[in-house]
Amino acid sequence: MNWPRIIVDGLAMSILFNAVACVGFLLWPQAYSVMFPREIKEAAAPYVDRRDVRKMHLLLYPLYLVLVIWWGVSAGLAGVRGFWPLFWTGYVEMTMVSISDFLILDCWLPRKVRHMIRGAERCKAWERRAWLKSLAIPEHALGWTFLVCPAAALLVAGVGSLF
């Protein structure tokens, strides 16, 4: 495995992921409330425009596809060969994206944007402890670690094996 390449790719993909997610949030902040804790979702629901949610999905889903293709092609060009080296390359890079998502989008950003979600400005779920307990820690410690990262790694190994 090519560790310098893995780290550089992981950092670049983390920057891309967080930048696109932040731009999407700035364009359609209310739409992003559907991904927040239940209390915020329910308070913001009357103000959510389904067309904006669709636009948000049309921004994020292609981003995921671009990241998976990038992982596979970059690993292949770096000379990473074989299913397991490709799998672990993808897993490590996706873990870097997960950590950056956790630090930027789940720890830093909520305190800055709570005023942008109509209807949910005063929800207790915005408090750091409540946010981390109800969303961020379960999502990143369990969901990303055991579901998203392995699934992405399998895709990376599959795409990379084609080259």
N, C-alpha and C. Protein backbone atom coordinates (compact mmCIF):
# COMPACT_ATOMS: atom_id res chain seq x y z
N MET A 1 0.85 -1.18 0.00
CA MET A 1 0.00 0.00 0.00
C MET A 1 0.89 1.24 0.00
N ASN A 2 0.40 2.26 -0.65
CA ASN A 2 1.15 3.49 -0.83
C ASN A 2 0.61 4.53 0.18
N TRP A 3 1.18 4.54 1.39
CA TRP A 3 0.66 5.38 2.48
C TRP A 3 0.67 6.88 2.18
N PRO A 4 1.75 7.42 1.60
CA PRO A 4 1.69 8.86 1.30
C PRO A 4 0.54 9.19 0.34
N ARG A 5 0.33 8.35 -0.65
CA ARG A 5 -0.75 8.57 -1.62
C ARG A 5 -2.11 8.44 -0.93
N ILE A 6 -2.24 7.46 -0.05
CA ILE A 6 -3.50 7.26 0.68
C ILE A 6 -3.81 8.51 1.52
N ILE A 7 -2.82 9.04 2.21
CA ILE A 7 -3.05 10.21 3.07
C ILE A 7 -3.39 11.44 2.23
N VAL A 8 -2.66 11.66 1.15
CA VAL A 8 -2.94 12.83 0.30
C VAL A 8 -4.33 12.70 -0.34
N ASP A 9 -4.64 11.52 -0.86
CA ASP A 9 -5.98 11.31 -1.45
C ASP A 9 -7.07 11.46 -0.39
N GLY A 10 -6.84 10.91 0.78
CA GLY A 10 -7.83 11.02 1.85
C GLY A 10 -8.08 12.47 2.25
N LEU A 11 -7.01 13.25 2.35
CA LEU A 11 -7.16 14.66 2.68
C LEU A 11 -7.88 15.42 1.56
N ALA A 12 -7.50 15.15 0.31
CA ALA A 12 -8.14 15.83 -0.82
C ALA A 12 -9.62 15.48 -0.90
N MET A 13 -9.95 14.22 -0.70
CA MET A 13 -11.35 13.81 -0.74
C MET A 13 -12.13 14.38 0.43
N SER A 14 -11.49 14.50 1.58
CA SER A 14 -12.14 15.11 2.74
C SER A 14 -12.46 16.58 2.46
N ILE A 15 -11.52 17.28 1.86
CA ILE A 15 -11.74 18.68 1.51
C ILE A 15 -12.88 18.80 0.51
N LEU A 16 -12.86 17.97 -0.52
CA LEU A 16 -13.92 18.00 -1.54
C LEU A 16 -15.28 17.71 -0.92
N PHE A 17 -15.35 16.65 -0.13
CA PHE A 17 -16.62 16.25 0.49
C PHE A 17 -17.19 17.36 1.37
N ASN A 18 -16.35 17.90 2.25
CA ASN A 18 -16.83 18.94 3.17
C ASN A 18 -17.16 20.23 2.43
N ALA A 19 -16.38 20.57 1.42
CA ALA A 19 -16.67 21.79 0.66
C ALA A 19 -18.00 21.68 -0.07
N VAL A 20 -18.25 20.56 -0.73
CA VAL A 20 -19.51 20.39 -1.45
C VAL A 20 -20.68 20.34 -0.47
N ALA A 21 -20.52 19.64 0.65
CA ALA A 21 -21.60 19.59 1.65
C ALA A 21 -21.88 20.98 2.22
N CYS A 22 -20.85 21.76 2.47
CA CYS A 22 -21.05 23.13 3.00
C CYS A 22 -21.70 24.04 1.96
N VAL A 23 -21.29 23.95 0.71
CA VAL A 23 -21.92 24.76 -0.34
C VAL A 23 -23.39 24.38 -0.47
N GLY A 24 -23.67 23.08 -0.46
CA GLY A 24 -25.07 22.64 -0.51
C GLY A 24 -25.87 23.17 0.66
N PHE A 25 -25.26 23.18 1.82
CA PHE A 25 -25.96 23.70 3.00
C PHE A 25 -26.23 25.19 2.85
N LEU A 26 -25.28 25.93 2.32
CA LEU A 26 -25.49 27.36 2.12
C LEU A 26 -26.57 27.64 1.09
N LEU A 27 -26.70 26.78 0.08
CA LEU A 27 -27.72 26.96 -0.95
C LEU A 27 -29.12 26.58 -0.44
N TRP A 28 -29.22 25.46 0.27
CA TRP A 28 -30.51 24.94 0.71
C TRP A 28 -30.44 24.51 2.18
N PRO A 29 -30.26 25.44 3.10
CA PRO A 29 -30.08 25.06 4.50
C PRO A 29 -31.27 24.29 5.07
N GLN A 30 -32.46 24.68 4.69
CA GLN A 30 -33.65 24.01 5.24
C GLN A 30 -33.70 22.55 4.81
N ALA A 31 -33.25 22.24 3.61
CA ALA A 31 -33.28 20.87 3.11
C ALA A 31 -32.38 19.96 3.94
N TYR A 32 -31.29 20.49 4.43
CA TYR A 32 -30.36 19.67 5.21
C TYR A 32 -30.93 19.28 6.57
N SER A 33 -31.99 19.96 6.99
CA SER A 33 -32.59 19.62 8.28
C SER A 33 -33.15 18.21 8.29
N VAL A 34 -33.39 17.62 7.13
CA VAL A 34 -33.90 16.24 7.10
C VAL A 34 -32.84 15.24 7.54
N MET A 35 -31.59 15.67 7.64
CA MET A 35 -30.51 14.79 8.08
C MET A 35 -30.08 15.06 9.52
N PHE A 36 -30.79 15.93 10.20
CA PHE A 36 -30.45 16.33 11.56
C PHE A 36 -31.21 15.48 12.57
N PRO A 37 -30.92 15.64 13.87
CA PRO A 37 -31.65 14.88 14.90
C PRO A 37 -33.16 15.11 14.81
N ARG A 38 -33.90 14.15 15.33
CA ARG A 38 -35.36 14.12 15.23
C ARG A 38 -36.02 15.43 15.67
N GLU A 39 -35.61 15.98 16.79
CA GLU A 39 -36.24 17.20 17.29
C GLU A 39 -36.10 18.35 16.28
N ILE A 40 -34.95 18.47 15.67
CA ILE A 40 -34.73 19.52 14.68
C ILE A 40 -35.55 19.23 13.42
N LYS A 41 -35.55 17.97 12.99
CA LYS A 41 -36.34 17.57 11.81
C LYS A 41 -37.80 17.95 11.97
N GLU A 42 -38.35 17.59 13.13
CA GLU A 42 -39.77 17.85 13.37
C GLU A 42 -40.07 19.34 13.46
N ALA A 43 -39.20 20.10 14.09
CA ALA A 43 -39.43 21.54 14.21
C ALA A 43 -39.29 22.25 12.87
N ALA A 44 -38.41 21.77 12.01
CA ALA A 44 -38.16 22.42 10.72
C ALA A 44 -39.06 21.89 9.61
N ALA A 45 -39.74 20.79 9.83
CA ALA A 45 -40.53 20.13 8.78
C ALA A 45 -41.50 21.05 8.05
N PRO A 46 -42.25 21.92 8.74
CA PRO A 46 -43.19 22.77 8.00
C PRO A 46 -42.51 23.71 7.00
N TYR A 47 -41.24 23.98 7.16
CA TYR A 47 -40.54 24.92 6.29
C TYR A 47 -39.70 24.25 5.21
N VAL A 48 -39.68 22.93 5.20
CA VAL A 48 -38.85 22.19 4.24
C VAL A 48 -39.57 22.09 2.90
N ASP A 49 -38.89 22.52 1.85
CA ASP A 49 -39.41 22.42 0.49
C ASP A 49 -38.84 21.14 -0.12
N ARG A 50 -39.72 20.25 -0.55
CA ARG A 50 -39.28 18.96 -1.11
C ARG A 50 -38.40 19.14 -2.35
N ARG A 51 -38.62 20.21 -3.11
CA ARG A 51 -37.76 20.46 -4.28
C ARG A 51 -36.33 20.74 -3.84
N ASP A 52 -36.16 21.44 -2.74
CA ASP A 52 -34.81 21.71 -2.22
C ASP A 52 -34.16 20.43 -1.72
N VAL A 53 -34.95 19.55 -1.11
CA VAL A 53 -34.40 18.26 -0.65
C VAL A 53 -33.93 17.46 -1.86
N ARG A 54 -34.71 17.50 -2.93
CA ARG A 54 -34.31 16.79 -4.15
C ARG A 54 -33.02 17.39 -4.73
N LYS A 55 -32.90 18.71 -4.73
CA LYS A 55 -31.68 19.36 -5.21
C LYS A 55 -30.48 18.96 -4.36
N MET A 56 -30.70 18.88 -3.04
CA MET A 56 -29.64 18.47 -2.14
C MET A 56 -29.18 17.06 -2.48
N HIS A 57 -30.13 16.16 -2.70
CA HIS A 57 -29.78 14.79 -3.06
C HIS A 57 -29.07 14.73 -4.41
N LEU A 58 -29.50 15.56 -5.35
CA LEU A 58 -28.85 15.60 -6.66
C LEU A 58 -27.43 16.17 -6.58
N LEU A 59 -27.12 16.86 -5.52
CA LEU A 59 -25.76 17.35 -5.29
C LEU A 59 -24.92 16.28 -4.58
N LEU A 60 -25.49 15.65 -3.55
CA LEU A 60 -24.71 14.74 -2.72
C LEU A 60 -24.50 13.36 -3.35
N TYR A 61 -25.51 12.77 -3.97
CA TYR A 61 -25.35 11.42 -4.51
C TYR A 61 -24.28 11.34 -5.60
N PRO A 62 -24.25 12.27 -6.56
CA PRO A 62 -23.13 12.24 -7.52
C PRO A 62 -21.77 12.45 -6.85
N LEU A 63 -21.75 13.23 -5.77
CA LEU A 63 -20.50 13.42 -5.04
C LEU A 63 -19.98 12.09 -4.53
N TYR A 64 -20.85 11.27 -3.97
CA TYR A 64 -20.44 9.96 -3.47
C TYR A 64 -19.88 9.11 -4.62
N LEU A 65 -20.54 9.15 -5.76
CA LEU A 65 -20.07 8.39 -6.92
C LEU A 65 -18.70 8.88 -7.38
N VAL A 66 -18.52 10.19 -7.43
CA VAL A 66 -17.23 10.76 -7.83
C VAL A 66 -16.13 10.32 -6.86
N LEU A 67 -16.43 10.33 -5.56
CA LEU A 67 -15.42 9.91 -4.58
C LEU A 67 -15.05 8.44 -4.76
N VAL A 68 -16.01 7.57 -4.99
CA VAL A 68 -15.72 6.14 -5.16
C VAL A 68 -14.88 5.92 -6.41
N ILE A 69 -15.24 6.60 -7.50
CA ILE A 69 -14.45 6.45 -8.72
C ILE A 69 -13.03 6.99 -8.51
N TRP A 70 -12.93 8.13 -7.84
CA TRP A 70 -11.62 8.72 -7.55
C TRP A 70 -10.78 7.73 -6.76
N TRP A 71 -11.36 7.14 -5.70
CA TRP A 71 -10.62 6.18 -4.88
C TRP A 71 -10.08 5.04 -5.72
N GLY A 72 -10.95 4.45 -6.50
CA GLY A 72 -10.53 3.29 -7.29
C GLY A 72 -9.48 3.63 -8.33
N VAL A 73 -9.69 4.69 -9.08
CA VAL A 73 -8.75 5.08 -10.14
C VAL A 73 -7.42 5.52 -9.53
N SER A 74 -7.46 6.32 -8.49
CA SER A 74 -6.22 6.79 -7.86
C SER A 74 -5.41 5.63 -7.30
N ALA A 75 -6.08 4.71 -6.64
CA ALA A 75 -5.36 3.56 -6.09
C ALA A 75 -4.75 2.72 -7.21
N GLY A 76 -5.51 2.55 -8.29
CA GLY A 76 -4.97 1.79 -9.42
C GLY A 76 -3.77 2.48 -10.05
N LEU A 77 -3.85 3.80 -10.20
CA LEU A 77 -2.72 4.56 -10.78
C LEU A 77 -1.52 4.59 -9.85
N ALA A 78 -1.76 4.46 -8.55
CA ALA A 78 -0.66 4.45 -7.58
C ALA A 78 0.01 3.09 -7.50
N GLY A 79 -0.50 2.14 -8.24
CA GLY A 79 0.11 0.82 -8.25
C GLY A 79 -0.41 -0.13 -7.18
N VAL A 80 -1.50 0.23 -6.53
CA VAL A 80 -2.09 -0.67 -5.53
C VAL A 80 -2.82 -1.76 -6.30
N ARG A 81 -2.45 -2.99 -6.08
CA ARG A 81 -3.02 -4.12 -6.81
C ARG A 81 -3.54 -5.16 -5.83
N GLY A 82 -4.55 -5.86 -6.25
CA GLY A 82 -5.11 -6.92 -5.43
C GLY A 82 -6.31 -6.43 -4.63
N PHE A 83 -7.24 -7.33 -4.37
CA PHE A 83 -8.49 -6.95 -3.72
C PHE A 83 -8.27 -6.36 -2.33
N TRP A 84 -7.51 -7.05 -1.47
CA TRP A 84 -7.37 -6.58 -0.09
C TRP A 84 -6.58 -5.28 0.04
N PRO A 85 -5.47 -5.08 -0.68
CA PRO A 85 -4.82 -3.76 -0.61
C PRO A 85 -5.75 -2.63 -1.10
N LEU A 86 -6.53 -2.90 -2.15
CA LEU A 86 -7.49 -1.89 -2.63
C LEU A 86 -8.58 -1.66 -1.60
N PHE A 87 -9.05 -2.73 -0.97
CA PHE A 87 -10.08 -2.61 0.06
C PHE A 87 -9.59 -1.73 1.21
N TRP A 88 -8.40 -2.02 1.73
CA TRP A 88 -7.89 -1.26 2.87
C TRP A 88 -7.54 0.18 2.50
N THR A 89 -7.10 0.39 1.27
CA THR A 89 -6.88 1.76 0.80
C THR A 89 -8.18 2.54 0.84
N GLY A 90 -9.24 1.97 0.27
CA GLY A 90 -10.55 2.63 0.29
C GLY A 90 -11.08 2.82 1.68
N TYR A 91 -10.88 1.83 2.55
CA TYR A 91 -11.38 1.93 3.92
C TYR A 91 -10.68 3.06 4.68
N VAL A 92 -9.38 3.14 4.55
CA VAL A 92 -8.63 4.19 5.25
C VAL A 92 -9.02 5.57 4.73
N GLU A 93 -9.13 5.71 3.41
CA GLU A 93 -9.50 7.01 2.85
C GLU A 93 -10.92 7.40 3.24
N MET A 94 -11.84 6.46 3.25
CA MET A 94 -13.21 6.77 3.66
C MET A 94 -13.27 7.10 5.14
N THR A 95 -12.43 6.47 5.93
CA THR A 95 -12.36 6.79 7.36
C THR A 95 -11.86 8.22 7.54
N MET A 96 -10.92 8.65 6.71
CA MET A 96 -10.46 10.04 6.78
C MET A 96 -11.59 11.01 6.44
N VAL A 97 -12.40 10.66 5.45
CA VAL A 97 -13.56 11.49 5.11
C VAL A 97 -14.53 11.52 6.28
N SER A 98 -14.74 10.38 6.90
CA SER A 98 -15.65 10.29 8.05
C SER A 98 -15.17 11.15 9.21
N ILE A 99 -13.89 11.09 9.50
CA ILE A 99 -13.33 11.89 10.61
C ILE A 99 -13.47 13.38 10.31
N SER A 100 -13.18 13.76 9.08
CA SER A 100 -13.30 15.19 8.74
C SER A 100 -14.77 15.62 8.77
N ASP A 101 -15.66 14.77 8.33
CA ASP A 101 -17.10 15.05 8.41
C ASP A 101 -17.51 15.24 9.86
N PHE A 102 -17.05 14.36 10.72
CA PHE A 102 -17.38 14.44 12.13
C PHE A 102 -16.87 15.76 12.74
N LEU A 103 -15.60 16.08 12.48
CA LEU A 103 -15.01 17.28 13.08
C LEU A 103 -15.60 18.57 12.52
N ILE A 104 -15.78 18.63 11.20
CA ILE A 104 -16.23 19.88 10.59
C ILE A 104 -17.75 20.00 10.59
N LEU A 105 -18.42 19.00 10.03
CA LEU A 105 -19.87 19.10 9.84
C LEU A 105 -20.67 18.74 11.08
N ASP A 106 -20.10 17.98 11.99
CA ASP A 106 -20.86 17.58 13.18
C ASP A 106 -20.41 18.25 14.47
N CYS A 107 -19.16 18.64 14.57
CA CYS A 107 -18.70 19.29 15.81
C CYS A 107 -18.65 20.81 15.68
N TRP A 108 -18.13 21.32 14.56
CA TRP A 108 -17.94 22.75 14.42
C TRP A 108 -19.15 23.46 13.82
N LEU A 109 -19.70 22.93 12.74
CA LEU A 109 -20.72 23.64 11.97
C LEU A 109 -22.06 23.85 12.68
N PRO A 110 -22.61 22.88 13.40
CA PRO A 110 -23.96 23.08 13.98
C PRO A 110 -24.09 24.34 14.84
N ARG A 111 -23.08 24.68 15.59
CA ARG A 111 -23.16 25.87 16.43
C ARG A 111 -23.18 27.15 15.59
N LYS A 112 -22.64 27.08 14.39
CA LYS A 112 -22.58 28.25 13.52
C LYS A 112 -23.85 28.44 12.69
N VAL A 113 -24.60 27.36 12.44
CA VAL A 113 -25.71 27.43 11.49
C VAL A 113 -27.09 27.27 12.11
N ARG A 114 -27.17 27.13 13.39
CA ARG A 114 -28.47 26.87 14.02
C ARG A 114 -29.49 27.94 13.68
N HIS A 115 -29.07 29.17 13.47
CA HIS A 115 -29.99 30.25 13.13
C HIS A 115 -30.51 30.16 11.69
N MET A 116 -29.92 29.31 10.85
CA MET A 116 -30.31 29.21 9.45
C MET A 116 -31.46 28.23 9.22
N ILE A 117 -31.80 27.42 10.20
CA ILE A 117 -32.86 26.43 10.05
C ILE A 117 -34.12 26.99 10.70
N ARG A 118 -35.05 27.45 9.87
CA ARG A 118 -36.30 28.03 10.39
C ARG A 118 -37.10 26.99 11.16
N GLY A 119 -37.63 27.43 12.27
CA GLY A 119 -38.47 26.58 13.11
C GLY A 119 -37.70 25.82 14.17
N ALA A 120 -36.40 25.67 13.99
CA ALA A 120 -35.61 24.85 14.91
C ALA A 120 -34.54 25.65 15.64
N GLU A 121 -34.65 26.95 15.63
CA GLU A 121 -33.60 27.79 16.20
C GLU A 121 -33.37 27.53 17.68
N ARG A 122 -34.42 27.17 18.40
CA ARG A 122 -34.31 27.02 19.86
C ARG A 122 -34.38 25.57 20.34
N CYS A 123 -34.19 24.63 19.46
CA CYS A 123 -34.25 23.22 19.85
C CYS A 123 -33.07 22.86 20.75
N LYS A 124 -33.33 22.01 21.72
CA LYS A 124 -32.25 21.55 22.60
C LYS A 124 -31.26 20.64 21.86
N ALA A 125 -31.70 20.06 20.74
CA ALA A 125 -30.83 19.16 19.98
C ALA A 125 -29.62 19.87 19.39
N TRP A 126 -29.62 21.20 19.34
CA TRP A 126 -28.46 21.95 18.86
C TRP A 126 -27.32 21.98 19.86
N GLU A 127 -27.60 21.74 21.13
CA GLU A 127 -26.54 21.75 22.13
C GLU A 127 -25.54 20.65 21.81
N ARG A 128 -24.27 20.95 22.01
CA ARG A 128 -23.21 20.03 21.59
C ARG A 128 -23.40 18.61 22.12
N ARG A 129 -23.67 18.48 23.39
CA ARG A 129 -23.80 17.14 23.98
C ARG A 129 -24.97 16.38 23.36
N ALA A 130 -26.11 17.06 23.21
CA ALA A 130 -27.29 16.42 22.62
C ALA A 130 -27.02 16.05 21.16
N TRP A 131 -26.39 16.94 20.42
CA TRP A 131 -26.07 16.69 19.01
C TRP A 131 -25.16 15.48 18.87
N LEU A 132 -24.09 15.46 19.65
CA LEU A 132 -23.15 14.35 19.55
C LEU A 132 -23.79 13.03 19.96
N LYS A 133 -24.59 13.07 21.02
CA LYS A 133 -25.21 11.84 21.54
C LYS A 133 -26.28 11.29 20.59
N SER A 134 -27.07 12.18 20.01
CA SER A 134 -28.19 11.70 19.19
C SER A 134 -27.81 11.45 17.74
N LEU A 135 -26.79 12.10 17.23
CA LEU A 135 -26.50 11.97 15.81
C LEU A 135 -25.04 11.63 15.52
N ALA A 136 -24.14 12.49 15.90
CA ALA A 136 -22.76 12.41 15.42
C ALA A 136 -22.02 11.15 15.86
N ILE A 137 -22.06 10.84 17.12
CA ILE A 137 -21.30 9.67 17.60
C ILE A 137 -21.88 8.36 17.07
N PRO A 138 -23.20 8.14 17.16
CA PRO A 138 -23.71 6.90 16.57
C PRO A 138 -23.45 6.80 15.06
N GLU A 139 -23.59 7.91 14.37
CA GLU A 139 -23.40 7.91 12.91
C GLU A 139 -21.96 7.56 12.55
N HIS A 140 -21.00 8.19 13.20
CA HIS A 140 -19.60 7.99 12.81
C HIS A 140 -18.94 6.82 13.51
N ALA A 141 -19.28 6.56 14.76
CA ALA A 141 -18.65 5.45 15.47
C ALA A 141 -19.22 4.10 15.02
N LEU A 142 -20.48 4.08 14.67
CA LEU A 142 -21.11 2.81 14.27
C LEU A 142 -21.42 2.76 12.78
N GLY A 143 -22.22 3.71 12.32
CA GLY A 143 -22.69 3.67 10.93
C GLY A 143 -21.58 3.74 9.91
N TRP A 144 -20.73 4.74 10.01
CA TRP A 144 -19.65 4.88 9.05
C TRP A 144 -18.61 3.78 9.21
N THR A 145 -18.24 3.47 10.45
CA THR A 145 -17.17 2.50 10.69
C THR A 145 -17.53 1.10 10.21
N PHE A 146 -18.79 0.68 10.45
CA PHE A 146 -19.17 -0.70 10.15
C PHE A 146 -20.03 -0.87 8.90
N LEU A 147 -20.56 0.22 8.35
CA LEU A 147 -21.41 0.10 7.16
C LEU A 147 -20.87 0.90 5.97
N VAL A 148 -20.73 2.20 6.13
CA VAL A 148 -20.37 3.07 5.00
C VAL A 148 -18.93 2.81 4.54
N CYS A 149 -17.99 2.81 5.45
CA CYS A 149 -16.58 2.60 5.07
C CYS A 149 -16.35 1.24 4.43
N PRO A 150 -16.86 0.14 4.98
CA PRO A 150 -16.67 -1.14 4.29
C PRO A 150 -17.37 -1.20 2.94
N ALA A 151 -18.57 -0.61 2.82
CA ALA A 151 -19.26 -0.61 1.53
C ALA A 151 -18.47 0.18 0.50
N ALA A 152 -17.97 1.35 0.88
CA ALA A 152 -17.15 2.15 -0.02
C ALA A 152 -15.86 1.41 -0.38
N ALA A 153 -15.27 0.74 0.60
CA ALA A 153 -14.04 -0.01 0.35
C ALA A 153 -14.28 -1.15 -0.64
N LEU A 154 -15.42 -1.80 -0.54
CA LEU A 154 -15.76 -2.85 -1.50
C LEU A 154 -15.92 -2.26 -2.91
N LEU A 155 -16.55 -1.10 -3.00
CA LEU A 155 -16.68 -0.44 -4.29
C LEU A 155 -15.32 -0.04 -4.86
N VAL A 156 -14.45 0.49 -3.98
CA VAL A 156 -13.12 0.88 -4.40
C VAL A 156 -12.35 -0.34 -4.90
N ALA A 157 -12.42 -1.43 -4.17
CA ALA A 157 -11.73 -2.65 -4.58
C ALA A 157 -12.28 -3.15 -5.91
N GLY A 158 -13.59 -3.03 -6.10
CA GLY A 158 -14.20 -3.45 -7.37
C GLY A 158 -13.78 -2.57 -8.52
N VAL A 159 -13.86 -1.25 -8.33
CA VAL A 159 -13.47 -0.32 -9.41
C VAL A 159 -11.97 -0.44 -9.68
N GLY A 160 -11.18 -0.48 -8.62
CA GLY A 160 -9.72 -0.58 -8.78
C GLY A 160 -9.29 -1.88 -9.44
N SER A 161 -10.03 -2.95 -9.22
CA SER A 161 -9.69 -4.23 -9.82
C SER A 161 -9.90 -4.22 -11.34
N LEU A 162 -10.72 -3.29 -11.82
CA LEU A 162 -10.97 -3.20 -13.26
C LEU A 162 -9.78 -2.64 -14.02
N PHE A 163 -8.90 -1.91 -13.31
CA PHE A 163 -7.77 -1.26 -13.98
C PHE A 163 -6.55 -2.11 -13.94
